[in-house]
C-alpha atoms as a PDB file:
ATOM      1  CA  MET A   1      44.943 -35.649   6.533  1.00  0.00           C
ATOM      2  CA  ALA A   2      47.567 -38.358   6.101  1.00  0.00           C
ATOM      3  CA  ALA A   3      49.705 -36.633   3.460  1.00  0.00           C
ATOM      4  CA  ASP A   4      50.103 -33.044   2.336  1.00  0.00           C
ATOM      5  CA  SER A   5      47.018 -32.021   0.403  1.00  0.00           C
ATOM      6  CA  ARG A   6      46.767 -30.119  -2.857  1.00  0.00           C
ATOM      7  CA  ILE A   7      43.501 -28.779  -4.241  1.00  0.00           C
ATOM      8  CA  SER A   8      42.857 -26.754  -7.370  1.00  0.00           C
ATOM      9  CA  ILE A   9      40.275 -23.991  -7.278  1.00  0.00           C
ATOM     10  CA  GLU A  10      37.876 -24.711 -10.150  1.00  0.00           C
ATOM     11  CA  SER A  11      35.390 -21.928  -9.367  1.00  0.00           C
ATOM     12  CA  VAL A  12      34.487 -19.545  -6.557  1.00  0.00           C
ATOM     13  CA  GLU A  13      30.802 -19.438  -5.683  1.00  0.00           C
ATOM     14  CA  GLN A  14      30.796 -17.015  -2.781  1.00  0.00           C
ATOM     15  CA  VAL A  15      33.252 -14.800  -0.930  1.00  0.00           C
ATOM     16  CA  SER A  16      32.436 -12.769   2.153  1.00  0.00           C
ATOM     17  CA  SER A  17      34.421 -11.303   4.988  1.00  0.00           C
ATOM     18  CA  GLY A  18      36.516 -14.182   6.265  1.00  0.00           C
ATOM     19  CA  ALA A  19      34.801 -17.007   4.339  1.00  0.00           C
ATOM     20  CA  ALA A  20      34.618 -18.477   0.846  1.00  0.00           C
ATOM     21  CA  VAL A  21      32.744 -21.289  -0.887  1.00  0.00           C
ATOM     22  CA  CYS A  22      34.636 -22.883  -3.791  1.00  0.00           C
ATOM     23  CA  VAL A  23      34.366 -25.834  -6.119  1.00  0.00           C
ATOM     24  CA  VAL A  24      37.690 -27.659  -5.923  1.00  0.00           C
ATOM     25  CA  ARG A  25      39.441 -30.745  -7.282  1.00  0.00           C
ATOM     26  CA  CYS A  26      41.674 -32.752  -4.984  1.00  0.00           C
ATOM     27  CA  LEU A  27      45.074 -33.158  -6.695  1.00  0.00           C
ATOM     28  CA  GLY A  28      46.952 -34.997  -3.957  1.00  0.00           C
ATOM     29  CA  GLY A  29      46.664 -36.206  -0.397  1.00  0.00           C
ATOM     30  CA  SER A  30      43.202 -35.857   1.105  1.00  0.00           C
ATOM     31  CA  VAL A  31      41.262 -33.019   2.682  1.00  0.00           C
ATOM     32  CA  SER A  32      39.141 -33.406   5.803  1.00  0.00           C
ATOM     33  CA  THR A  33      36.814 -31.105   7.703  1.00  0.00           C
ATOM     34  CA  GLY A  34      38.940 -29.070  10.106  1.00  0.00           C
ATOM     35  CA  ASP A  35      42.104 -29.182   7.978  1.00  0.00           C
ATOM     36  CA  LEU A  36      44.225 -26.063   7.616  1.00  0.00           C
ATOM     37  CA  LEU A  37      45.353 -24.966   4.144  1.00  0.00           C
ATOM     38  CA  ASP A  38      48.426 -22.821   4.611  1.00  0.00           C
ATOM     39  CA  THR A  39      49.871 -22.114   1.141  1.00  0.00           C
ATOM     40  CA  ALA A  40      48.208 -20.375  -1.817  1.00  0.00           C
ATOM     41  CA  VAL A  41      49.719 -20.847  -5.286  1.00  0.00           C
ATOM     42  CA  PHE A  42      48.863 -18.214  -7.890  1.00  0.00           C
ATOM     43  CA  VAL A  43      48.642 -18.680 -11.672  1.00  0.00           C
ATOM     44  CA  ASP A  44      52.140 -17.240 -12.135  1.00  0.00           C
ATOM     45  CA  GLY A  45      53.561 -19.780  -9.655  1.00  0.00           C
ATOM     46  CA  ALA A  46      54.049 -17.291  -6.827  1.00  0.00           C
ATOM     47  CA  GLU A  47      53.179 -18.587  -3.366  1.00  0.00           C
ATOM     48  CA  ALA A  48      51.750 -16.876  -0.289  1.00  0.00           C
ATOM     49  CA  LEU A  49      51.122 -18.026   3.263  1.00  0.00           C
ATOM     50  CA  VAL A  50      47.443 -18.213   4.191  1.00  0.00           C
ATOM     51  CA  GLU A  51      45.366 -19.628   7.032  1.00  0.00           C
ATOM     52  CA  LEU A  52      42.209 -21.155   5.608  1.00  0.00           C
ATOM     53  CA  ARG A  53      40.321 -23.797   7.589  1.00  0.00           C
ATOM     54  CA  VAL A  54      38.025 -26.304   5.838  1.00  0.00           C
ATOM     55  CA  THR A  55      34.722 -26.073   7.700  1.00  0.00           C
ATOM     56  CA  THR A  56      32.382 -27.957   5.337  1.00  0.00           C
ATOM     57  CA  ILE A  57      32.794 -30.373   2.426  1.00  0.00           C
ATOM     58  CA  TRP A  58      29.845 -31.060   0.091  1.00  0.00           C
ATOM     59  CA  ARG A  59      29.868 -33.898  -2.469  1.00  0.00           C
ATOM     60  CA  TYR A  60      26.783 -34.584  -4.550  1.00  0.00           C
ATOM     61  CA  GLY A  61      24.790 -32.178  -2.387  1.00  0.00           C
ATOM     62  CA  ARG A  62      25.601 -33.999   0.868  1.00  0.00           C
ATOM     63  CA  VAL A  63      27.956 -33.037   3.653  1.00  0.00           C
ATOM     64  CA  THR A  64      30.949 -35.365   4.013  1.00  0.00           C
ATOM     65  CA  ASP A  65      34.125 -35.365   6.088  1.00  0.00           C
ATOM     66  CA  LEU A  66      36.683 -36.318   3.410  1.00  0.00           C
ATOM     67  CA  LEU A  67      37.760 -35.388  -0.117  1.00  0.00           C
ATOM     68  CA  ASP A  68      40.400 -37.481  -1.881  1.00  0.00           C
ATOM     69  CA  PRO A  69      41.919 -37.492  -5.390  1.00  0.00           C
ATOM     70  CA  PRO A  70      40.773 -37.144  -8.099  1.00  0.00           C
ATOM     71  CA  HIS A  71      37.336 -36.081  -6.845  1.00  0.00           C
ATOM     72  CA  THR A  72      35.700 -32.670  -6.855  1.00  0.00           C
ATOM     73  CA  ALA A  73      33.626 -31.083  -4.119  1.00  0.00           C
ATOM     74  CA  LYS A  74      32.397 -27.783  -2.809  1.00  0.00           C
ATOM     75  CA  LEU A  75      34.354 -26.502   0.209  1.00  0.00           C
ATOM     76  CA  GLU A  76      33.618 -23.786   2.701  1.00  0.00           C
ATOM     77  CA  LEU A  77      36.878 -22.146   3.769  1.00  0.00           C
ATOM     78  CA  VAL A  78      37.147 -19.791   6.735  1.00  0.00           C
ATOM     79  CA  GLY A  79      40.039 -17.467   7.514  1.00  0.00           C
ATOM     80  CA  ALA A  80      41.419 -13.979   7.195  1.00  0.00           C
ATOM     81  CA  ASN A  81      42.714 -14.640   3.669  1.00  0.00           C
ATOM     82  CA  ALA A  82      39.473 -16.058   2.246  1.00  0.00           C
ATOM     83  CA  ASP A  83      39.184 -13.270  -0.328  1.00  0.00           C
ATOM     84  CA  LEU A  84      42.426 -14.501  -1.980  1.00  0.00           C
ATOM     85  CA  VAL A  85      40.696 -17.593  -3.419  1.00  0.00           C
ATOM     86  CA  THR A  86      39.415 -15.536  -6.353  1.00  0.00           C
ATOM     87  CA  ARG A  87      43.040 -15.191  -7.552  1.00  0.00           C
ATOM     88  CA  VAL A  88      44.439 -18.572  -6.469  1.00  0.00           C
ATOM     89  CA  GLN A  89      45.041 -21.583  -8.704  1.00  0.00           C
ATOM     90  CA  GLU A  90      45.923 -24.073  -5.959  1.00  0.00           C
ATOM     91  CA  LEU A  91      45.830 -24.402  -2.158  1.00  0.00           C
ATOM     92  CA  ARG A  92      48.095 -26.689  -0.134  1.00  0.00           C
ATOM     93  CA  GLY A  93      48.090 -27.827   3.451  1.00  0.00           C
ATOM     94  CA  ALA A  94      49.502 -30.350   5.875  1.00  0.00           C
ATOM     95  CA  GLY A  95      46.422 -31.202   7.921  1.00  0.00           C
ATOM     96  CA  GLN A  96      44.925 -30.173  11.190  1.00  0.00           C
ATOM     97  CA  ALA A  97      46.858 -27.683  13.260  1.00  0.00           C
END
């Protein structure tokens, strides 16, 4: 990821222990497979540190390696805080760590 990424959570399709599948819109930067999203922004503007790794990106039913603005895609996110996505408005990250 070249610049800090920002994605909005449009809908959550599945949440399980340590993983979530969400439909997202890329608001800024770009998101690649393997990127780490480290900040969750809630509807009230509050922020929390998270560790969610992008493991899969689907666009138009096909797996791809990149999501850039203003496109939407389905992402699989893996990490201990995956259950937070049901309450999050936006996720931010700075790339692969």
